[in-house]
Amino acid sequence: MTGLYDSFQRPIDYLRISVTDRCNLRCTYCMPPQGIDLIAREDILTFEEISKVAQAAAELGIKKIRLTGGEPLVRAGITDLIHMLAAIPGIDDVSLTTNGILLEKYAPELKAAGLKRVNVSLDTLKPERFEKITGFTGFQQVMAGIEAAHRTGLEPVKINTVVIAGSNGDEILDFGRKTINDGWHVRFIEHMPFYAENPLASNFVSAEEVKKRLETLGKLAPCSPGAGNGPAKYYRFAGAKGSVGFITAVTEHFCVNCNRLRLTSDGKLRLCLFSEEEVDLKQPLREGVSIEKLKEIIQLGAARKPAGQNAVAKSPKRRPFSQVGG
């Protein structure tokens, strides 16, 4: 058996890399009301350190890398990192999740550097509501970024939408129509309980409920995601060019098929989104660790990956979502 596996024989071929904990928005479900203590800049991994981890991971069997944040596009020189990662033998897919604010500006550079595709976080189609959710204006910038991503071939462009009752629950059908009329690929994400609040509170909307509402527009048939290997289940309305995806982080855990590890911006290998267990890679990197030794550390970390986590009962309390990278 070749490649990277955890102790439950799940193949690990996907690494999510948070390149910064900084963000140019303040989304209510991502950033705690009191804000966060930002990681000191000297504690954030350099591009060379990130690339070294990616090289070691690729030699172990990692094939796909997704860059996250915070907001990855606020990190200066991000296209240089993408170029470095895309050039690593064995890495066949480099993608990025963004809030879209800077996407129009950087889309051509991102594509030229080797980025394959983008996911754009967008929770509303109403400009005034966008400001309420994110704390800033910028809806038109996001829409322009989505168009720029299409123009430059960062396909498929997937739209990530977190559904929260009382916030944007009344826009489910509007997003559904976008998949029919405009060919959008929309992924509805259950609100994850990242601040230890009750995830099944009155504002929680399950994927099952979202799907039920969408089916008032027509029958949804299962379909292939086209690209990517994440946990979403995909469907399509008859005649639609776009698709609808559901990520059931709370109501239907997908731990049994988890294929990923996460690297935080301060150099911790995080073994599970809903577990606080991490393996420090920054200190070995700054002590000049060899690629072979780094591979050994990553392998030992993967072996400690838990079988699964109850997202309802064991939500993280230490790191804010903006530092983990989703």
Protein backbone atom coordinates (compact mmCIF):
# COMPACT_ATOMS: atom_id res chain seq x y z
CA MET A 1 0.00 0.00 0.00
CA THR A 2 1.50 3.32 -1.08
CA GLY A 3 0.51 6.87 -0.21
CA LEU A 4 -0.47 8.54 3.08
CA TYR A 5 -3.02 6.82 5.31
CA ASP A 6 -4.30 7.39 8.82
CA SER A 7 -4.62 4.61 11.39
CA PHE A 8 -8.14 3.81 10.11
CA GLN A 9 -6.76 3.19 6.60
CA ARG A 10 -8.38 6.30 5.17
CA PRO A 11 -6.26 7.64 2.31
CA ILE A 12 -5.08 11.23 2.88
CA ASP A 13 -4.49 13.09 -0.37
CA TYR A 14 -5.74 16.61 0.36
CA LEU A 15 -4.03 19.41 2.31
CA ARG A 16 -5.75 22.66 3.21
CA ILE A 17 -3.28 25.46 3.92
CA SER A 18 -4.26 28.60 5.82
CA VAL A 19 -1.85 31.29 4.65
CA THR A 20 -3.03 34.05 7.00
CA ASP A 21 -5.45 34.74 9.82
CA ARG A 22 -6.09 38.27 8.48
CA CYS A 23 -9.34 39.08 6.68
CA ASN A 24 -10.86 42.16 5.07
CA LEU A 25 -14.40 41.17 6.19
CA ARG A 26 -15.95 40.45 9.58
CA CYS A 27 -18.60 37.82 8.89
CA THR A 28 -20.76 37.27 11.94
CA TYR A 29 -20.48 33.47 11.99
CA CYS A 30 -16.71 33.42 11.40
CA MET A 31 -15.34 36.19 13.57
CA PRO A 32 -16.37 36.42 17.25
CA PRO A 33 -18.00 39.74 18.22
CA GLN A 34 -15.01 40.74 20.34
CA GLY A 35 -12.62 40.12 17.46
CA ILE A 36 -9.51 37.94 17.68
CA ASP A 37 -5.91 38.32 18.72
CA LEU A 38 -3.99 38.21 15.47
CA ILE A 39 -1.02 35.90 15.13
CA ALA A 40 2.27 37.79 15.18
CA ARG A 41 3.63 38.13 11.66
CA GLU A 42 6.92 36.48 12.57
CA ASP A 43 4.96 33.41 13.68
CA ILE A 44 3.26 32.99 10.32
CA LEU A 45 4.95 30.53 7.99
CA THR A 46 6.93 31.95 5.10
CA PHE A 47 6.16 30.87 1.54
CA GLU A 48 9.36 28.82 1.54
CA GLU A 49 8.27 27.00 4.71
CA ILE A 50 4.79 26.33 3.31
CA SER A 51 6.31 25.05 0.09
CA LYS A 52 8.62 22.71 2.02
CA VAL A 53 5.66 21.22 3.88
CA ALA A 54 3.79 20.84 0.59
CA GLN A 55 6.79 19.12 -1.01
CA ALA A 56 7.03 16.63 1.84
CA ALA A 57 3.28 16.06 1.75
CA ALA A 58 3.35 15.51 -2.00
CA GLU A 59 6.07 12.90 -1.65
CA LEU A 60 3.78 11.11 0.82
CA GLY A 61 0.79 11.14 -1.55
CA ILE A 62 -0.91 14.53 -1.18
CA LYS A 63 -2.25 15.50 -4.60
CA LYS A 64 -4.57 18.42 -3.92
CA ILE A 65 -3.95 21.68 -2.08
CA ARG A 66 -6.46 24.36 -1.18
CA LEU A 67 -5.36 27.76 0.10
CA THR A 68 -7.53 29.38 2.74
CA GLY A 69 -7.27 32.08 5.41
CA GLY A 70 -8.53 34.29 6.92
CA GLU A 71 -8.70 35.71 3.44
CA PRO A 72 -5.80 34.34 1.38
CA LEU A 73 -5.81 37.18 -1.13
CA VAL A 74 -4.86 39.74 1.53
CA ARG A 75 -1.47 38.08 1.92
CA ALA A 76 1.09 39.94 -0.16
CA GLY A 77 2.65 37.91 -2.95
CA ILE A 78 0.10 35.08 -2.79
CA THR A 79 0.57 34.38 -6.51
CA ASP A 80 4.24 33.64 -5.84
CA LEU A 81 3.20 30.92 -3.40
CA ILE A 82 0.72 29.47 -5.89
CA HIS A 83 3.46 29.31 -8.51
CA MET A 84 5.73 27.47 -6.04
CA LEU A 85 3.02 24.97 -5.08
CA ALA A 86 1.86 24.31 -8.63
CA ALA A 87 5.45 23.41 -9.59
CA ILE A 88 5.79 20.66 -6.96
CA PRO A 89 5.83 17.19 -8.56
CA GLY A 90 2.76 15.19 -7.54
CA ILE A 91 0.53 18.20 -6.87
CA ASP A 92 -2.09 18.14 -9.61
CA ASP A 93 -4.62 20.61 -8.21
CA VAL A 94 -4.14 23.93 -6.42
CA SER A 95 -7.35 25.74 -5.54
CA LEU A 96 -8.35 28.63 -3.29
CA THR A 97 -11.27 29.74 -1.15
CA THR A 98 -11.89 33.49 -1.06
CA ASN A 99 -14.50 36.02 -0.03
CA GLY A 100 -14.16 37.49 -3.52
CA ILE A 101 -13.42 41.09 -2.55
CA LEU A 102 -10.00 41.08 -4.28
CA LEU A 103 -10.74 38.37 -6.81
CA GLU A 104 -11.34 40.64 -9.81
CA LYS A 105 -7.94 42.25 -9.26
CA TYR A 106 -6.00 39.02 -8.90
CA ALA A 107 -7.87 36.49 -11.06
CA PRO A 108 -5.58 36.75 -14.13
CA GLU A 109 -2.44 36.51 -11.95
CA LEU A 110 -3.85 33.57 -10.03
CA LYS A 111 -4.61 31.66 -13.23
CA ALA A 112 -1.19 32.43 -14.70
CA ALA A 113 0.51 31.25 -11.50
CA GLY A 114 -1.13 27.84 -11.76
CA LEU A 115 -4.33 28.11 -9.72
CA LYS A 116 -6.98 25.75 -11.10
CA ARG A 117 -10.21 26.96 -9.50
CA VAL A 118 -11.82 29.03 -6.76
CA ASN A 119 -14.61 28.78 -4.22
CA VAL A 120 -16.23 32.09 -3.34
CA SER A 121 -17.99 32.60 -0.01
CA LEU A 122 -21.24 34.50 -0.59
CA ASP A 123 -24.17 34.31 1.81
CA THR A 124 -26.58 36.77 0.23
CA LEU A 125 -27.58 38.25 -3.12
CA LYS A 126 -28.72 41.50 -1.50
CA PRO A 127 -26.13 44.32 -1.22
CA GLU A 128 -27.60 45.79 1.98
CA ARG A 129 -27.72 42.39 3.65
CA PHE A 130 -24.16 41.68 2.54
CA GLU A 131 -23.01 44.65 4.57
CA LYS A 132 -24.95 43.46 7.61
CA ILE A 133 -23.47 39.95 7.44
CA THR A 134 -19.88 40.92 6.63
CA GLY A 135 -19.56 44.31 8.33
CA PHE A 136 -18.46 45.97 5.09
CA THR A 137 -19.74 47.09 1.71
CA GLY A 138 -18.37 45.14 -1.20
CA PHE A 139 -21.16 43.08 -2.72
CA GLN A 140 -20.51 44.44 -6.21
CA GLN A 141 -16.81 43.68 -5.84
CA VAL A 142 -17.62 40.05 -5.07
CA MET A 143 -19.93 39.77 -8.07
CA ALA A 144 -17.24 41.31 -10.27
CA GLY A 145 -14.75 38.82 -8.83
CA ILE A 146 -17.00 35.89 -9.71
CA GLU A 147 -17.28 37.13 -13.28
CA ALA A 148 -13.51 37.62 -13.49
CA ALA A 149 -12.95 34.07 -12.28
CA HIS A 150 -15.18 32.78 -15.08
CA ARG A 151 -13.41 34.93 -17.67
CA THR A 152 -9.98 33.68 -16.66
CA GLY A 153 -10.99 30.02 -16.54
CA LEU A 154 -10.81 29.36 -12.80
CA GLU A 155 -13.48 26.72 -13.23
CA PRO A 156 -15.66 25.49 -11.80
CA VAL A 157 -16.37 28.57 -9.69
CA LYS A 158 -18.23 27.29 -6.64
CA ILE A 159 -20.28 29.54 -4.37
CA ASN A 160 -20.22 28.65 -0.66
CA THR A 161 -23.36 29.76 1.17
CA VAL A 162 -23.86 29.33 4.91
CA VAL A 163 -27.60 29.28 5.61
CA ILE A 164 -28.78 30.89 8.84
CA ALA A 165 -32.46 31.41 9.65
CA GLY A 166 -33.29 35.05 10.23
CA SER A 167 -30.25 36.09 8.23
CA ASN A 168 -30.43 34.65 4.72
CA GLY A 169 -32.81 31.69 4.95
CA ASP A 170 -35.29 33.52 2.75
CA GLU A 171 -32.78 33.55 -0.15
CA ILE A 172 -32.48 29.79 -0.63
CA LEU A 173 -34.70 29.82 -3.72
CA ASP A 174 -32.86 32.84 -5.14
CA PHE A 175 -29.59 30.92 -5.00
CA GLY A 176 -31.33 27.88 -6.45
CA ARG A 177 -32.53 29.94 -9.42
CA LYS A 178 -28.94 31.06 -10.00
CA THR A 179 -28.00 27.43 -10.72
CA ILE A 180 -30.80 27.20 -13.27
CA ASN A 181 -30.60 30.59 -14.97
CA ASP A 182 -26.93 31.52 -14.63
CA GLY A 183 -25.14 28.19 -14.33
CA TRP A 184 -23.88 28.81 -10.81
CA HIS A 185 -22.54 25.98 -8.67
CA VAL A 186 -23.91 26.73 -5.20
CA ARG A 187 -22.95 24.74 -2.12
CA PHE A 188 -25.20 25.18 0.88
CA ILE A 189 -23.25 24.72 4.12
CA GLU A 190 -24.78 23.97 7.49
CA HIS A 191 -23.79 26.53 10.09
CA MET A 192 -20.96 24.93 12.07
CA PRO A 193 -20.90 25.57 15.84
CA PHE A 194 -17.45 27.10 16.11
CA TYR A 195 -18.04 29.09 19.28
CA ALA A 196 -19.59 26.28 21.31
CA GLU A 197 -23.09 27.66 20.96
CA ASN A 198 -25.96 25.24 20.45
CA PRO A 199 -25.80 24.45 16.71
CA LEU A 200 -29.41 23.30 16.72
CA ALA A 201 -30.67 26.63 18.01
CA SER A 202 -33.53 28.49 16.36
CA ASN A 203 -31.30 29.96 13.63
CA PHE A 204 -29.99 26.58 12.44
CA VAL A 205 -31.18 25.36 9.04
CA SER A 206 -30.38 21.78 8.09
CA ALA A 207 -29.33 20.74 4.60
CA GLU A 208 -32.42 18.55 4.49
CA GLU A 209 -34.61 21.60 5.03
CA VAL A 210 -32.72 23.57 2.37
CA LYS A 211 -33.17 20.71 -0.10
CA LYS A 212 -36.88 20.50 0.72
CA ARG A 213 -37.33 24.20 -0.04
CA LEU A 214 -35.31 24.00 -3.25
CA GLU A 215 -37.48 21.18 -4.54
CA THR A 216 -40.35 23.66 -4.84
CA LEU A 217 -38.41 24.87 -7.91
CA GLY A 218 -38.26 21.38 -9.43
CA LYS A 219 -36.85 17.91 -8.97
CA LEU A 220 -33.20 17.63 -7.95
CA ALA A 221 -31.24 14.75 -9.50
CA PRO A 222 -27.84 13.59 -8.18
CA CYS A 223 -24.87 14.66 -10.31
CA SER A 224 -21.06 14.65 -10.34
CA PRO A 225 -19.21 17.61 -8.76
CA GLY A 226 -17.05 17.99 -11.88
CA ALA A 227 -13.92 18.91 -9.92
CA GLY A 228 -12.81 18.64 -6.33
CA ASN A 229 -13.08 15.87 -3.78
CA GLY A 230 -14.75 17.52 -0.82
CA PRO A 231 -17.65 16.31 1.30
CA ALA A 232 -20.52 17.94 -0.60
CA LYS A 233 -23.29 15.92 -2.22
CA TYR A 234 -24.31 17.40 -5.57
CA TYR A 235 -27.62 17.69 -7.41
CA ARG A 236 -28.93 19.47 -10.48
CA PHE A 237 -32.30 20.79 -11.62
CA ALA A 238 -33.50 19.49 -14.97
CA GLY A 239 -31.94 21.55 -17.76
CA ALA A 240 -29.68 23.51 -15.41
CA LYS A 241 -26.01 24.07 -16.29
CA GLY A 242 -25.17 24.70 -12.66
CA SER A 243 -25.46 22.49 -9.61
CA VAL A 244 -26.57 22.48 -5.99
CA GLY A 245 -24.34 21.02 -3.30
CA PHE A 246 -24.95 20.28 0.38
CA ILE A 247 -22.31 20.12 3.09
CA THR A 248 -23.84 18.50 6.16
CA ALA A 249 -21.20 19.36 8.75
CA VAL A 250 -23.67 19.09 11.63
CA THR A 251 -26.53 16.73 10.76
CA GLU A 252 -24.67 14.06 8.78
CA HIS A 253 -20.99 13.78 9.55
CA PHE A 254 -18.67 12.70 6.75
CA CYS A 255 -15.73 11.65 8.93
CA VAL A 256 -15.66 8.10 7.55
CA ASN A 257 -14.50 9.46 4.18
CA CYS A 258 -12.30 12.31 5.44
CA ASN A 259 -9.22 12.58 3.24
CA ARG A 260 -7.61 15.77 4.52
CA LEU A 261 -5.16 17.42 6.83
CA ARG A 262 -4.89 21.14 7.58
CA LEU A 263 -1.87 23.40 7.97
CA THR A 264 -2.55 26.53 10.02
CA SER A 265 -0.86 29.80 9.17
CA ASP A 266 1.35 29.52 12.26
CA GLY A 267 2.65 26.12 11.26
CA LYS A 268 0.48 23.58 13.05
CA LEU A 269 -0.66 20.42 11.31
CA ARG A 270 -4.30 20.17 12.36
CA LEU A 271 -5.61 16.63 12.19
CA CYS A 272 -9.36 17.34 12.27
CA LEU A 273 -11.43 20.48 11.94
CA PHE A 274 -13.37 19.72 15.12
CA SER A 275 -10.43 18.59 17.22
CA GLU A 276 -7.87 20.78 18.94
CA GLU A 277 -5.07 18.26 18.45
CA GLU A 278 -2.26 19.73 16.38
CA VAL A 279 1.32 18.81 15.47
CA ASP A 280 3.89 21.60 15.45
CA LEU A 281 5.77 21.89 12.16
CA LYS A 282 7.04 25.46 12.55
CA GLN A 283 9.78 24.69 15.05
CA PRO A 284 11.22 21.80 13.02
CA LEU A 285 11.05 23.94 9.88
CA ARG A 286 12.95 26.77 11.53
CA GLU A 287 15.52 24.33 12.85
CA GLY A 288 16.24 23.24 9.29
CA VAL A 289 14.41 19.91 9.27
CA SER A 290 15.13 17.67 6.28
CA ILE A 291 12.38 16.67 3.87
CA GLU A 292 12.69 13.05 5.02
CA LYS A 293 12.29 13.97 8.68
CA LEU A 294 9.41 16.30 7.85
CA LYS A 295 7.69 13.42 6.04
CA GLU A 296 8.10 11.30 9.14
CA ILE A 297 6.50 13.98 11.33
CA ILE A 298 3.56 14.31 8.92
CA GLN A 299 3.10 10.54 8.82
CA LEU A 300 3.08 10.34 12.61
CA GLY A 301 0.54 13.17 12.69
CA ALA A 302 -1.73 11.48 10.15
CA ALA A 303 -1.64 8.32 12.25
CA ARG A 304 -3.15 10.32 15.14
CA LYS A 305 -6.07 11.58 13.06
CA PRO A 306 -9.25 10.75 15.02
CA ALA A 307 -11.93 8.44 13.67
CA GLY A 308 -14.46 11.24 13.88
CA GLN A 309 -15.79 14.10 15.92
CA ASN A 310 -19.25 14.97 17.14
CA ALA A 311 -19.56 18.49 15.77
CA VAL A 312 -22.48 19.19 18.08
CA ALA A 313 -20.93 18.10 21.35
CA LYS A 314 -17.27 18.92 20.74
CA SER A 315 -17.02 22.27 19.01
CA PRO A 316 -13.60 23.92 19.24
CA LYS A 317 -13.11 26.58 21.88
CA ARG A 318 -9.53 27.76 21.45
CA ARG A 319 -8.96 28.72 17.83
CA PRO A 320 -11.45 30.95 16.01
CA PHE A 321 -12.66 29.73 12.65
CA SER A 322 -10.67 32.45 10.87
CA GLN A 323 -7.43 30.85 12.11
CA VAL A 324 -8.30 27.29 11.15
CA GLY A 325 -9.23 27.93 7.53
CA GLY A 326 -12.33 25.76 7.32
